């Protein structure tokens, strides 16, 4: 993918989002550990959600206006269990709070699994 879609998404806990709002940017553990913030397209976010956060009820879904991020975004493979050829957007810098256009709870179903979102 050469251009960014208008909306990307990111999952974090409500507490992490509250901290980000206070300091103006979100710097998840992955930024210091891997050098980037994990992002997704809305229609693929259920994959990492179910892999990493199954059953958690404290997550929020940040919808991000891709035009408002200033750090580079690179499309890179996820993990071997993701569909063949699927790539995810990775933000190589902190996520500015000003890029977030909406925040909603992202709750699992009764089975603990997160639902697919539409684009």
PDB file of N, CA and C in Angstrom:
ATOM      1  N   UNK A   1       0.843  -1.180   0.000  1.00  0.00           N
ATOM      2  CA  UNK A   1       0.000   0.000   0.000  1.00  0.00           C
ATOM      3  C   UNK A   1       0.885   1.238   0.000  1.00  0.00           C
ATOM      4  N   UNK A   2       0.603   2.149  -0.886  1.00  0.00           N
ATOM      5  CA  UNK A   2       1.420   3.352  -0.957  1.00  0.00           C
ATOM      6  C   UNK A   2       0.794   4.526  -0.221  1.00  0.00           C
ATOM      7  N   UNK A   3      -0.507   4.670  -0.287  1.00  0.00           N
ATOM      8  CA  UNK A   3      -1.140   5.773   0.438  1.00  0.00           C
ATOM      9  C   UNK A   3      -1.921   5.207   1.620  1.00  0.00           C
ATOM     10  N   UNK A   4      -2.131   6.037   2.608  1.00  0.00           N
ATOM     11  CA  UNK A   4      -2.838   5.596   3.805  1.00  0.00           C
ATOM     12  C   UNK A   4      -4.339   5.728   3.624  1.00  0.00           C
ATOM     13  N   UNK A   5      -5.093   4.757   4.130  1.00  0.00           N
ATOM     14  CA  UNK A   5      -6.549   4.928   4.142  1.00  0.00           C
ATOM     15  C   UNK A   5      -6.888   6.054   5.108  1.00  0.00           C
ATOM     16  N   UNK A   6      -8.068   6.649   4.977  1.00  0.00           N
ATOM     17  CA  UNK A   6      -8.390   7.797   5.826  1.00  0.00           C
ATOM     18  C   UNK A   6      -8.439   7.473   7.316  1.00  0.00           C
ATOM     19  N   UNK A   7      -8.853   6.257   7.683  1.00  0.00           N
ATOM     20  CA  UNK A   7      -8.979   5.919   9.101  1.00  0.00           C
ATOM     21  C   UNK A   7      -8.199   4.639   9.414  1.00  0.00           C
ATOM     22  N   UNK A   8      -7.372   4.739  10.440  1.00  0.00           N
ATOM     23  CA  UNK A   8      -6.672   3.596  11.006  1.00  0.00           C
ATOM     24  C   UNK A   8      -7.165   3.448  12.440  1.00  0.00           C
ATOM     25  N   UNK A   9      -6.899   2.309  13.071  1.00  0.00           N
ATOM     26  CA  UNK A   9      -7.337   2.106  14.443  1.00  0.00           C
ATOM     27  C   UNK A   9      -6.195   1.560  15.306  1.00  0.00           C
ATOM     28  N   UNK A  10      -6.351   1.780  16.601  1.00  0.00           N
ATOM     29  CA  UNK A  10      -5.394   1.282  17.583  1.00  0.00           C
ATOM     30  C   UNK A  10      -6.162   0.885  18.831  1.00  0.00           C
ATOM     31  N   UNK A  11      -5.741  -0.204  19.471  1.00  0.00           N
ATOM     32  CA  UNK A  11      -6.344  -0.655  20.721  1.00  0.00           C
ATOM     33  C   UNK A  11      -5.432  -0.340  21.889  1.00  0.00           C
ATOM     34  N   UNK A  12      -6.031   0.120  22.965  1.00  0.00           N
ATOM     35  CA  UNK A  12      -5.289   0.300  24.211  1.00  0.00           C
ATOM     36  C   UNK A  12      -6.284   0.239  25.358  1.00  0.00           C
ATOM     37  N   UNK A  13      -5.775   0.194  26.566  1.00  0.00           N
ATOM     38  CA  UNK A  13      -6.673   0.172  27.719  1.00  0.00           C
ATOM     39  C   UNK A  13      -7.210   1.585  27.968  1.00  0.00           C
ATOM     40  N   UNK A  14      -8.294   1.650  28.700  1.00  0.00           N
ATOM     41  CA  UNK A  14      -8.862   2.952  29.063  1.00  0.00           C
ATOM     42  C   UNK A  14      -7.847   3.774  29.855  1.00  0.00           C
ATOM     43  N   UNK A  15      -7.109   3.118  30.733  1.00  0.00           N
ATOM     44  CA  UNK A  15      -6.101   3.825  31.530  1.00  0.00           C
ATOM     45  C   UNK A  15      -4.978   4.376  30.659  1.00  0.00           C
ATOM     46  N   UNK A  16      -4.535   3.589  29.683  1.00  0.00           N
ATOM     47  CA  UNK A  16      -3.483   4.070  28.773  1.00  0.00           C
ATOM     48  C   UNK A  16      -3.962   5.285  27.986  1.00  0.00           C
ATOM     49  N   UNK A  17      -5.217   5.254  27.553  1.00  0.00           N
ATOM     50  CA  UNK A  17      -5.761   6.387  26.805  1.00  0.00           C
ATOM     51  C   UNK A  17      -5.855   7.627  27.704  1.00  0.00           C
ATOM     52  N   UNK A  18      -6.275   7.432  28.937  1.00  0.00           N
ATOM     53  CA  UNK A  18      -6.364   8.559  29.868  1.00  0.00           C
ATOM     54  C   UNK A  18      -4.986   9.192  30.066  1.00  0.00           C
ATOM     55  N   UNK A  19      -3.961   8.387  30.224  1.00  0.00           N
ATOM     56  CA  UNK A  19      -2.589   8.902  30.367  1.00  0.00           C
ATOM     57  C   UNK A  19      -2.148   9.641  29.117  1.00  0.00           C
ATOM     58  N   UNK A  20      -2.466   9.090  27.951  1.00  0.00           N
ATOM     59  CA  UNK A  20      -2.097   9.730  26.686  1.00  0.00           C
ATOM     60  C   UNK A  20      -2.753  11.101  26.568  1.00  0.00           C
ATOM     61  N   UNK A  21      -3.998  11.199  26.949  1.00  0.00           N
ATOM     62  CA  UNK A  21      -4.712  12.484  26.874  1.00  0.00           C
ATOM     63  C   UNK A  21      -4.043  13.533  27.746  1.00  0.00           C
ATOM     64  N   UNK A  22      -3.509  13.116  28.873  1.00  0.00           N
ATOM     65  CA  UNK A  22      -2.855  14.059  29.784  1.00  0.00           C
ATOM     66  C   UNK A  22      -1.523  14.562  29.240  1.00  0.00           C
ATOM     67  N   UNK A  23      -0.782  13.716  28.529  1.00  0.00           N
ATOM     68  CA  UNK A  23       0.539  14.148  28.047  1.00  0.00           C
ATOM     69  C   UNK A  23       0.541  14.535  26.564  1.00  0.00           C
ATOM     70  N   UNK A  24      -0.572  14.282  25.840  1.00  0.00           N
ATOM     71  CA  UNK A  24      -0.671  14.719  24.450  1.00  0.00           C
ATOM     72  C   UNK A  24      -0.271  13.704  23.405  1.00  0.00           C
ATOM     73  N   UNK A  25       0.253  12.551  23.852  1.00  0.00           N
ATOM     74  CA  UNK A  25       0.600  11.502  22.890  1.00  0.00           C
ATOM     75  C   UNK A  25       0.573  10.145  23.573  1.00  0.00           C
ATOM     76  N   UNK A  26       0.360   9.126  22.753  1.00  0.00           N
ATOM     77  CA  UNK A  26       0.314   7.749  23.244  1.00  0.00           C
ATOM     78  C   UNK A  26       1.618   7.069  22.862  1.00  0.00           C
ATOM     79  N   UNK A  27       2.298   6.538  23.875  1.00  0.00           N
ATOM     80  CA  UNK A  27       3.571   5.839  23.697  1.00  0.00           C
ATOM     81  C   UNK A  27       3.449   4.449  24.329  1.00  0.00           C
ATOM     82  N   UNK A  28       2.836   3.513  23.599  1.00  0.00           N
ATOM     83  CA  UNK A  28       2.682   2.170  24.171  1.00  0.00           C
ATOM     84  C   UNK A  28       4.034   1.473  24.305  1.00  0.00           C
ATOM     85  N   UNK A  29       4.047   0.394  25.053  1.00  0.00           N
ATOM     86  CA  UNK A  29       5.252  -0.408  25.266  1.00  0.00           C
ATOM     87  C   UNK A  29       5.920  -0.785  23.938  1.00  0.00           C
ATOM     88  N   UNK A  30       5.115  -1.058  22.916  1.00  0.00           N
ATOM     89  CA  UNK A  30       5.680  -1.470  21.625  1.00  0.00           C
ATOM     90  C   UNK A  30       6.571  -0.396  21.000  1.00  0.00           C
ATOM     91  N   UNK A  31       6.327   0.861  21.332  1.00  0.00           N
ATOM     92  CA  UNK A  31       7.145   1.931  20.755  1.00  0.00           C
ATOM     93  C   UNK A  31       8.580   1.830  21.260  1.00  0.00           C
ATOM     94  N   UNK A  32       8.757   1.586  22.545  1.00  0.00           N
ATOM     95  CA  UNK A  32      10.125   1.450  23.051  1.00  0.00           C
ATOM     96  C   UNK A  32      10.694   0.064  22.757  1.00  0.00           C
ATOM     97  N   UNK A  33       9.860  -0.973  22.788  1.00  0.00           N
ATOM     98  CA  UNK A  33      10.341  -2.340  22.561  1.00  0.00           C
ATOM     99  C   UNK A  33      10.633  -2.642  21.098  1.00  0.00           C
ATOM    100  N   UNK A  34       9.759  -2.164  20.190  1.00  0.00           N
ATOM    101  CA  UNK A  34       9.869  -2.512  18.766  1.00  0.00           C
ATOM    102  C   UNK A  34      10.104  -1.315  17.852  1.00  0.00           C
ATOM    103  N   UNK A  35       9.949  -0.107  18.388  1.00  0.00           N
ATOM    104  CA  UNK A  35      10.159   1.087  17.595  1.00  0.00           C
ATOM    105  C   UNK A  35       8.928   1.599  16.881  1.00  0.00           C
ATOM    106  N   UNK A  36       7.775   0.976  17.122  1.00  0.00           N
ATOM    107  CA  UNK A  36       6.557   1.423  16.444  1.00  0.00           C
ATOM    108  C   UNK A  36       5.321   1.163  17.289  1.00  0.00           C
ATOM    109  N   UNK A  37       4.226   1.831  16.905  1.00  0.00           N
ATOM    110  CA  UNK A  37       2.909   1.640  17.495  1.00  0.00           C
ATOM    111  C   UNK A  37       2.123   0.752  16.538  1.00  0.00           C
ATOM    112  N   UNK A  38       1.564  -0.333  17.059  1.00  0.00           N
ATOM    113  CA  UNK A  38       0.751  -1.232  16.240  1.00  0.00           C
ATOM    114  C   UNK A  38      -0.564  -0.551  15.879  1.00  0.00           C
ATOM    115  N   UNK A  39      -0.866  -0.483  14.599  1.00  0.00           N
ATOM    116  CA  UNK A  39      -2.146   0.015  14.110  1.00  0.00           C
ATOM    117  C   UNK A  39      -2.795  -1.081  13.286  1.00  0.00           C
ATOM    118  N   UNK A  40      -4.035  -0.873  12.913  1.00  0.00           N
ATOM    119  CA  UNK A  40      -4.764  -1.815  12.069  1.00  0.00           C
ATOM    120  C   UNK A  40      -5.730  -1.046  11.196  1.00  0.00           C
ATOM    121  N   UNK A  41      -6.221  -1.724  10.189  1.00  0.00           N
ATOM    122  CA  UNK A  41      -7.404  -1.255   9.474  1.00  0.00           C
ATOM    123  C   UNK A  41      -8.597  -1.688  10.321  1.00  0.00           C
ATOM    124  N   UNK A  42      -9.711  -0.967  10.258  1.00  0.00           N
ATOM    125  CA  UNK A  42     -10.864  -1.372  11.062  1.00  0.00           C
ATOM    126  C   UNK A  42     -11.261  -2.840  10.845  1.00  0.00           C
ATOM    127  N   UNK A  43     -11.201  -3.303   9.611  1.00  0.00           N
ATOM    128  CA  UNK A  43     -11.660  -4.659   9.312  1.00  0.00           C
ATOM    129  C   UNK A  43     -10.670  -5.751   9.728  1.00  0.00           C
ATOM    130  N   UNK A  44      -9.492  -5.393  10.193  1.00  0.00           N
ATOM    131  CA  UNK A  44      -8.528  -6.414  10.624  1.00  0.00           C
ATOM    132  C   UNK A  44      -8.201  -6.339  12.113  1.00  0.00           C
ATOM    133  N   UNK A  45      -8.711  -5.358  12.829  1.00  0.00           N
ATOM    134  CA  UNK A  45      -8.338  -5.153  14.234  1.00  0.00           C
ATOM    135  C   UNK A  45      -8.742  -6.323  15.132  1.00  0.00           C
ATOM    136  N   UNK A  46      -9.763  -7.070  14.744  1.00  0.00           N
ATOM    137  CA  UNK A  46     -10.174  -8.218  15.566  1.00  0.00           C
ATOM    138  C   UNK A  46      -9.086  -9.284  15.650  1.00  0.00           C
ATOM    139  N   UNK A  47      -8.215  -9.363  14.662  1.00  0.00           N
ATOM    140  CA  UNK A  47      -7.159 -10.387  14.665  1.00  0.00           C
ATOM    141  C   UNK A  47      -6.175 -10.164  15.817  1.00  0.00           C
ATOM    142  N   UNK A  48      -5.524  -8.992  15.899  1.00  0.00           N
ATOM    143  CA  UNK A  48      -4.647  -8.792  17.058  1.00  0.00           C
ATOM    144  C   UNK A  48      -5.424  -8.707  18.375  1.00  0.00           C
ATOM    145  N   UNK A  49      -6.642  -8.204  18.345  1.00  0.00           N
ATOM    146  CA  UNK A  49      -7.440  -8.125  19.577  1.00  0.00           C
ATOM    147  C   UNK A  49      -7.658  -9.516  20.160  1.00  0.00           C
ATOM    148  N   UNK A  50      -8.026 -10.459  19.312  1.00  0.00           N
ATOM    149  CA  UNK A  50      -8.274 -11.820  19.791  1.00  0.00           C
ATOM    150  C   UNK A  50      -6.985 -12.548  20.156  1.00  0.00           C
ATOM    151  N   UNK A  51      -5.925 -12.239  19.487  1.00  0.00           N
ATOM    152  CA  UNK A  51      -4.639 -12.880  19.767  1.00  0.00           C
ATOM    153  C   UNK A  51      -4.046 -12.368  21.084  1.00  0.00           C
ATOM    154  N   UNK A  52      -4.184 -11.075  21.348  1.00  0.00           N
ATOM    155  CA  UNK A  52      -3.503 -10.459  22.484  1.00  0.00           C
ATOM    156  C   UNK A  52      -4.408 -10.143  23.680  1.00  0.00           C
ATOM    157  N   UNK A  53      -5.687  -9.892  23.437  1.00  0.00           N
ATOM    158  CA  UNK A  53      -6.539  -9.353  24.495  1.00  0.00           C
ATOM    159  C   UNK A  53      -7.838 -10.121  24.733  1.00  0.00           C
ATOM    160  N   UNK A  54      -7.952 -11.350  24.265  1.00  0.00           N
ATOM    161  CA  UNK A  54      -9.211 -12.097  24.389  1.00  0.00           C
ATOM    162  C   UNK A  54      -9.758 -12.020  25.810  1.00  0.00           C
ATOM    163  N   UNK A  55     -11.026 -11.673  25.902  1.00  0.00           N
ATOM    164  CA  UNK A  55     -11.714 -11.624  27.178  1.00  0.00           C
ATOM    165  C   UNK A  55     -11.586 -10.323  27.958  1.00  0.00           C
ATOM    166  N   UNK A  56     -10.694  -9.443  27.556  1.00  0.00           N
ATOM    167  CA  UNK A  56     -10.533  -8.177  28.294  1.00  0.00           C
ATOM    168  C   UNK A  56     -11.683  -7.225  28.008  1.00  0.00           C
ATOM    169  N   UNK A  57     -12.126  -6.536  29.032  1.00  0.00           N
ATOM    170  CA  UNK A  57     -13.250  -5.611  28.863  1.00  0.00           C
ATOM    171  C   UNK A  57     -12.851  -4.161  29.139  1.00  0.00           C
ATOM    172  N   UNK A  58     -11.551  -3.887  29.192  1.00  0.00           N
ATOM    173  CA  UNK A  58     -11.076  -2.531  29.493  1.00  0.00           C
ATOM    174  C   UNK A  58     -10.471  -1.827  28.283  1.00  0.00           C
ATOM    175  N   UNK A  59     -10.734  -2.342  27.078  1.00  0.00           N
ATOM    176  CA  UNK A  59     -10.101  -1.781  25.884  1.00  0.00           C
ATOM    177  C   UNK A  59     -10.953  -0.701  25.232  1.00  0.00           C
ATOM    178  N   UNK A  60     -10.248   0.261  24.647  1.00  0.00           N
ATOM    179  CA  UNK A  60     -10.904   1.249  23.800  1.00  0.00           C
ATOM    180  C   UNK A  60     -10.304   1.164  22.412  1.00  0.00           C
ATOM    181  N   UNK A  61     -11.131   1.479  21.442  1.00  0.00           N
ATOM    182  CA  UNK A  61     -10.738   1.499  20.043  1.00  0.00           C
ATOM    183  C   UNK A  61     -10.559   2.964  19.646  1.00  0.00           C
ATOM    184  N   UNK A  62      -9.332   3.314  19.309  1.00  0.00           N
ATOM    185  CA  UNK A  62      -9.037   4.676  18.870  1.00  0.00           C
ATOM    186  C   UNK A  62      -9.135   4.715  17.358  1.00  0.00           C
ATOM    187  N   UNK A  63      -9.992   5.555  16.835  1.00  0.00           N
ATOM    188  CA  UNK A  63     -10.052   5.774  15.384  1.00  0.00           C
ATOM    189  C   UNK A  63      -9.174   6.975  15.092  1.00  0.00           C
ATOM    190  N   UNK A  64      -8.267   6.784  14.151  1.00  0.00           N
ATOM    191  CA  UNK A  64      -7.208   7.751  13.883  1.00  0.00           C
ATOM    192  C   UNK A  64      -7.355   8.317  12.482  1.00  0.00           C
ATOM    193  N   UNK A  65      -7.322   9.636  12.383  1.00  0.00           N
ATOM    194  CA  UNK A  65      -7.289  10.312  11.089  1.00  0.00           C
ATOM    195  C   UNK A  65      -5.849  10.203  10.589  1.00  0.00           C
ATOM    196  N   UNK A  66      -5.628   9.384   9.577  1.00  0.00           N
ATOM    197  CA  UNK A  66      -4.257   9.118   9.113  1.00  0.00           C
ATOM    198  C   UNK A  66      -3.557  10.377   8.607  1.00  0.00           C
ATOM    199  N   UNK A  67      -4.315  11.387   8.209  1.00  0.00           N
ATOM    200  CA  UNK A  67      -3.706  12.633   7.742  1.00  0.00           C
ATOM    201  C   UNK A  67      -3.098  13.437   8.896  1.00  0.00           C
ATOM    202  N   UNK A  68      -3.447  13.083  10.114  1.00  0.00           N
ATOM    203  CA  UNK A  68      -2.964  13.832  11.280  1.00  0.00           C
ATOM    204  C   UNK A  68      -1.753  13.196  11.963  1.00  0.00           C
ATOM    205  N   UNK A  69      -1.244  12.098  11.427  1.00  0.00           N
ATOM    206  CA  UNK A  69      -0.028  11.513  12.006  1.00  0.00           C
ATOM    207  C   UNK A  69       1.164  12.018  11.208  1.00  0.00           C
ATOM    208  N   UNK A  70       2.203  12.410  11.926  1.00  0.00           N
ATOM    209  CA  UNK A  70       3.358  12.980  11.238  1.00  0.00           C
ATOM    210  C   UNK A  70       4.532  12.007  11.128  1.00  0.00           C
ATOM    211  N   UNK A  71       4.556  10.984  11.965  1.00  0.00           N
ATOM    212  CA  UNK A  71       5.617   9.986  11.883  1.00  0.00           C
ATOM    213  C   UNK A  71       5.315   9.013  10.740  1.00  0.00           C
ATOM    214  N   UNK A  72       6.351   8.355  10.227  1.00  0.00           N
ATOM    215  CA  UNK A  72       6.141   7.412   9.123  1.00  0.00           C
ATOM    216  C   UNK A  72       5.260   6.221   9.515  1.00  0.00           C
ATOM    217  N   UNK A  73       4.451   5.778   8.568  1.00  0.00           N
ATOM    218  CA  UNK A  73       3.655   4.566   8.716  1.00  0.00           C
ATOM    219  C   UNK A  73       4.156   3.582   7.665  1.00  0.00           C
ATOM    220  N   UNK A  74       4.512   2.388   8.129  1.00  0.00           N
ATOM    221  CA  UNK A  74       4.999   1.342   7.218  1.00  0.00           C
ATOM    222  C   UNK A  74       4.067   0.147   7.305  1.00  0.00           C
ATOM    223  N   UNK A  75       3.812  -0.457   6.152  1.00  0.00           N
ATOM    224  CA  UNK A  75       2.950  -1.636   6.083  1.00  0.00           C
ATOM    225  C   UNK A  75       3.836  -2.863   6.189  1.00  0.00           C
ATOM    226  N   UNK A  76       3.594  -3.655   7.253  1.00  0.00           N
ATOM    227  CA  UNK A  76       4.461  -4.797   7.526  1.00  0.00           C
ATOM    228  C   UNK A  76       3.630  -6.012   7.929  1.00  0.00           C
ATOM    229  N   UNK A  77       4.178  -7.210   7.712  1.00  0.00           N
ATOM    230  CA  UNK A  77       3.445  -8.426   8.076  1.00  0.00           C
ATOM    231  C   UNK A  77       3.178  -8.498   9.570  1.00  0.00           C
ATOM    232  N   UNK A  78       2.109  -9.179   9.914  1.00  0.00           N
ATOM    233  CA  UNK A  78       1.783  -9.433  11.312  1.00  0.00           C
ATOM    234  C   UNK A  78       2.496 -10.694  11.767  1.00  0.00           C
ATOM    235  N   UNK A  79       1.716 -11.716  12.114  1.00  0.00           N
ATOM    236  CA  UNK A  79       2.272 -12.981  12.575  1.00  0.00           C
ATOM    237  C   UNK A  79       1.864 -14.090  11.611  1.00  0.00           C
ATOM    238  N   UNK A  80       2.481 -15.238  11.775  1.00  0.00           N
ATOM    239  CA  UNK A  80       2.256 -16.352  10.841  1.00  0.00           C
ATOM    240  C   UNK A  80       0.806 -16.822  10.785  1.00  0.00           C
ATOM    241  N   UNK A  81       0.039 -16.608  11.845  1.00  0.00           N
ATOM    242  CA  UNK A  81      -1.352 -17.067  11.850  1.00  0.00           C
ATOM    243  C   UNK A  81      -2.308 -16.095  11.158  1.00  0.00           C
ATOM    244  N   UNK A  82      -1.827 -14.910  10.790  1.00  0.00           N
ATOM    245  CA  UNK A  82      -2.660 -13.966  10.043  1.00  0.00           C
ATOM    246  C   UNK A  82      -2.836 -14.478   8.616  1.00  0.00           C
ATOM    247  N   UNK A  83      -3.889 -14.040   7.919  1.00  0.00           N
ATOM    248  CA  UNK A  83      -4.076 -14.468   6.534  1.00  0.00           C
ATOM    249  C   UNK A  83      -2.830 -14.172   5.686  1.00  0.00           C
ATOM    250  N   UNK A  84      -2.553 -15.062   4.770  1.00  0.00           N
ATOM    251  CA  UNK A  84      -1.383 -14.929   3.899  1.00  0.00           C
ATOM    252  C   UNK A  84      -1.411 -13.590   3.175  1.00  0.00           C
ATOM    253  N   UNK A  85      -0.290 -12.892   3.221  1.00  0.00           N
ATOM    254  CA  UNK A  85      -0.163 -11.622   2.522  1.00  0.00           C
ATOM    255  C   UNK A  85      -0.712 -10.428   3.267  1.00  0.00           C
ATOM    256  N   UNK A  86      -1.322 -10.632   4.430  1.00  0.00           N
ATOM    257  CA  UNK A  86      -1.892  -9.506   5.176  1.00  0.00           C
ATOM    258  C   UNK A  86      -0.766  -8.681   5.794  1.00  0.00           C
ATOM    259  N   UNK A  87      -0.898  -7.372   5.664  1.00  0.00           N
ATOM    260  CA  UNK A  87       0.051  -6.457   6.286  1.00  0.00           C
ATOM    261  C   UNK A  87      -0.711  -5.486   7.182  1.00  0.00           C
ATOM    262  N   UNK A  88       0.000  -4.982   8.185  1.00  0.00           N
ATOM    263  CA  UNK A  88      -0.579  -4.057   9.152  1.00  0.00           C
ATOM    264  C   UNK A  88       0.192  -2.744   9.125  1.00  0.00           C
ATOM    265  N   UNK A  89      -0.480  -1.634   9.392  1.00  0.00           N
ATOM    266  CA  UNK A  89       0.217  -0.359   9.483  1.00  0.00           C
ATOM    267  C   UNK A  89       0.920  -0.221  10.835  1.00  0.00           C
ATOM    268  N   UNK A  90       2.178   0.168  10.791  1.00  0.00           N
ATOM    269  CA  UNK A  90       2.960   0.413  12.004  1.00  0.00           C
ATOM    270  C   UNK A  90       3.413   1.862  11.988  1.00  0.00           C
ATOM    271  N   UNK A  91       3.117   2.579  13.057  1.00  0.00           N
ATOM    272  CA  UNK A  91       3.463   3.993  13.182  1.00  0.00           C
ATOM    273  C   UNK A  91       4.812   4.105  13.887  1.00  0.00           C
ATOM    274  N   UNK A  92       5.812   4.629  13.191  1.00  0.00           N
ATOM    275  CA  UNK A  92       7.163   4.746  13.723  1.00  0.00           C
ATOM    276  C   UNK A  92       7.361   6.072  14.442  1.00  0.00           C
ATOM    277  N   UNK A  93       6.648   6.218  15.531  1.00  0.00           N
ATOM    278  CA  UNK A  93       6.689   7.396  16.381  1.00  0.00           C
ATOM    279  C   UNK A  93       5.474   7.360  17.275  1.00  0.00           C
ATOM    280  N   UNK A  94       5.383   8.260  18.237  1.00  0.00           N
ATOM    281  CA  UNK A  94       4.219   8.272  19.130  1.00  0.00           C
ATOM    282  C   UNK A  94       2.947   8.660  18.378  1.00  0.00           C
ATOM    283  N   UNK A  95       1.832   8.233  18.924  1.00  0.00           N
ATOM    284  CA  UNK A  95       0.530   8.574  18.354  1.00  0.00           C
ATOM    285  C   UNK A  95       0.037   9.865  19.003  1.00  0.00           C
ATOM    286  N   UNK A  96      -0.049  10.959  18.224  1.00  0.00           N
ATOM    287  CA  UNK A  96      -0.541  12.207  18.817  1.00  0.00           C
ATOM    288  C   UNK A  96      -2.035  12.106  19.144  1.00  0.00           C
ATOM    289  N   UNK A  97      -2.394  12.603  20.308  1.00  0.00           N
ATOM    290  CA  UNK A  97      -3.797  12.607  20.727  1.00  0.00           C
ATOM    291  C   UNK A  97      -4.647  13.366  19.713  1.00  0.00           C
ATOM    292  N   UNK A  98      -4.090  14.384  19.092  1.00  0.00           N
ATOM    293  CA  UNK A  98      -4.837  15.191  18.121  1.00  0.00           C
ATOM    294  C   UNK A  98      -5.198  14.415  16.854  1.00  0.00           C
ATOM    295  N   UNK A  99      -4.581  13.253  16.636  1.00  0.00           N
ATOM    296  CA  UNK A  99      -4.909  12.432  15.469  1.00  0.00           C
ATOM    297  C   UNK A  99      -6.111  11.532  15.724  1.00  0.00           C
ATOM    298  N   UNK A 100      -6.494  11.382  16.979  1.00  0.00           N
ATOM    299  CA  UNK A 100      -7.600  10.489  17.340  1.00  0.00           C
ATOM    300  C   UNK A 100      -8.924  11.231  17.163  1.00  0.00           C
ATOM    301  N   UNK A 101      -9.777  10.674  16.298  1.00  0.00           N
ATOM    302  CA  UNK A 101     -11.049  11.337  15.979  1.00  0.00           C
ATOM    303  C   UNK A 101     -12.243  10.747  16.730  1.00  0.00           C
ATOM    304  N   UNK A 102     -12.091   9.535  17.266  1.00  0.00           N
ATOM    305  CA  UNK A 102     -13.134   8.979  18.132  1.00  0.00           C
ATOM    306  C   UNK A 102     -12.556   7.871  18.988  1.00  0.00           C
ATOM    307  N   UNK A 103     -13.200   7.680  20.132  1.00  0.00           N
ATOM    308  CA  UNK A 103     -12.789   6.654  21.082  1.00  0.00           C
ATOM    309  C   UNK A 103     -14.049   5.919  21.512  1.00  0.00           C
ATOM    310  N   UNK A 104     -14.062   4.606  21.328  1.00  0.00           N
ATOM    311  CA  UNK A 104     -15.211   3.804  21.731  1.00  0.00           C
ATOM    312  C   UNK A 104     -14.723   2.558  22.464  1.00  0.00           C
ATOM    313  N   UNK A 105     -15.552   2.041  23.329  1.00  0.00           N
ATOM    314  CA  UNK A 105     -15.242   0.770  23.983  1.00  0.00           C
ATOM    315  C   UNK A 105     -15.223  -0.322  22.922  1.00  0.00           C
ATOM    316  N   UNK A 106     -14.347  -1.279  23.107  1.00  0.00           N
ATOM    317  CA  UNK A 106     -14.287  -2.431  22.203  1.00  0.00           C
ATOM    318  C   UNK A 106     -14.389  -3.656  23.092  1.00  0.00           C
ATOM    319  N   UNK A 107     -15.577  -4.217  23.144  1.00  0.00           N
ATOM    320  CA  UNK A 107     -15.882  -5.296  24.068  1.00  0.00           C
ATOM    321  C   UNK A 107     -15.963  -6.642  23.369  1.00  0.00           C
ATOM    322  N   UNK A 108     -15.491  -7.685  24.040  1.00  0.00           N
ATOM    323  CA  UNK A 108     -15.631  -9.023  23.467  1.00  0.00           C
ATOM    324  C   UNK A 108     -17.065  -9.517  23.623  1.00  0.00           C
ATOM    325  N   UNK A 109     -17.394 -10.521  22.836  1.00  0.00           N
ATOM    326  CA  UNK A 109     -18.694 -11.163  22.970  1.00  0.00           C
ATOM    327  C   UNK A 109     -18.706 -12.086  24.173  1.00  0.00           C
ATOM    328  N   UNK A 110     -19.808 -12.791  24.362  1.00  0.00           N
ATOM    329  CA  UNK A 110     -19.943 -13.724  25.488  1.00  0.00           C
ATOM    330  C   UNK A 110     -18.878 -14.814  25.473  1.00  0.00           C
ATOM    331  N   UNK A 111     -18.368 -15.118  24.296  1.00  0.00           N
ATOM    332  CA  UNK A 111     -17.334 -16.153  24.174  1.00  0.00           C
ATOM    333  C   UNK A 111     -15.922 -15.605  24.424  1.00  0.00           C
ATOM    334  N   UNK A 112     -15.809 -14.305  24.736  1.00  0.00           N
ATOM    335  CA  UNK A 112     -14.511 -13.700  24.998  1.00  0.00           C
ATOM    336  C   UNK A 112     -13.785 -13.210  23.772  1.00  0.00           C
ATOM    337  N   UNK A 113     -14.362 -13.420  22.592  1.00  0.00           N
ATOM    338  CA  UNK A 113     -13.708 -13.035  21.338  1.00  0.00           C
ATOM    339  C   UNK A 113     -14.254 -11.695  20.846  1.00  0.00           C
ATOM    340  N   UNK A 114     -13.383 -10.946  20.210  1.00  0.00           N
ATOM    341  CA  UNK A 114     -13.762  -9.627  19.676  1.00  0.00           C
ATOM    342  C   UNK A 114     -14.358  -9.770  18.291  1.00  0.00           C
ATOM    343  N   UNK A 115     -15.371  -8.965  17.999  1.00  0.00           N
ATOM    344  CA  UNK A 115     -16.041  -9.060  16.702  1.00  0.00           C
ATOM    345  C   UNK A 115     -15.263  -8.334  15.607  1.00  0.00           C
ATOM    346  N   UNK A 116     -15.525  -8.744  14.384  1.00  0.00           N
ATOM    347  CA  UNK A 116     -15.001  -8.015  13.228  1.00  0.00           C
ATOM    348  C   UNK A 116     -15.723  -6.693  13.117  1.00  0.00           C
ATOM    349  N   UNK A 117     -15.012  -5.671  12.679  1.00  0.00           N
ATOM    350  CA  UNK A 117     -15.619  -4.370  12.404  1.00  0.00           C
ATOM    351  C   UNK A 117     -15.728  -4.203  10.902  1.00  0.00           C
ATOM    352  N   UNK A 118     -16.660  -3.400  10.472  1.00  0.00           N
ATOM    353  CA  UNK A 118     -16.732  -3.084   9.050  1.00  0.00           C
ATOM    354  C   UNK A 118     -15.798  -1.907   8.774  1.00  0.00           C
ATOM    355  N   UNK A 119     -15.392  -1.758   7.523  1.00  0.00           N
ATOM    356  CA  UNK A 119     -14.484  -0.684   7.141  1.00  0.00           C
ATOM    357  C   UNK A 119     -15.131   0.618   7.332  1.00  0.00           C
TER     358      UNK A 119
END
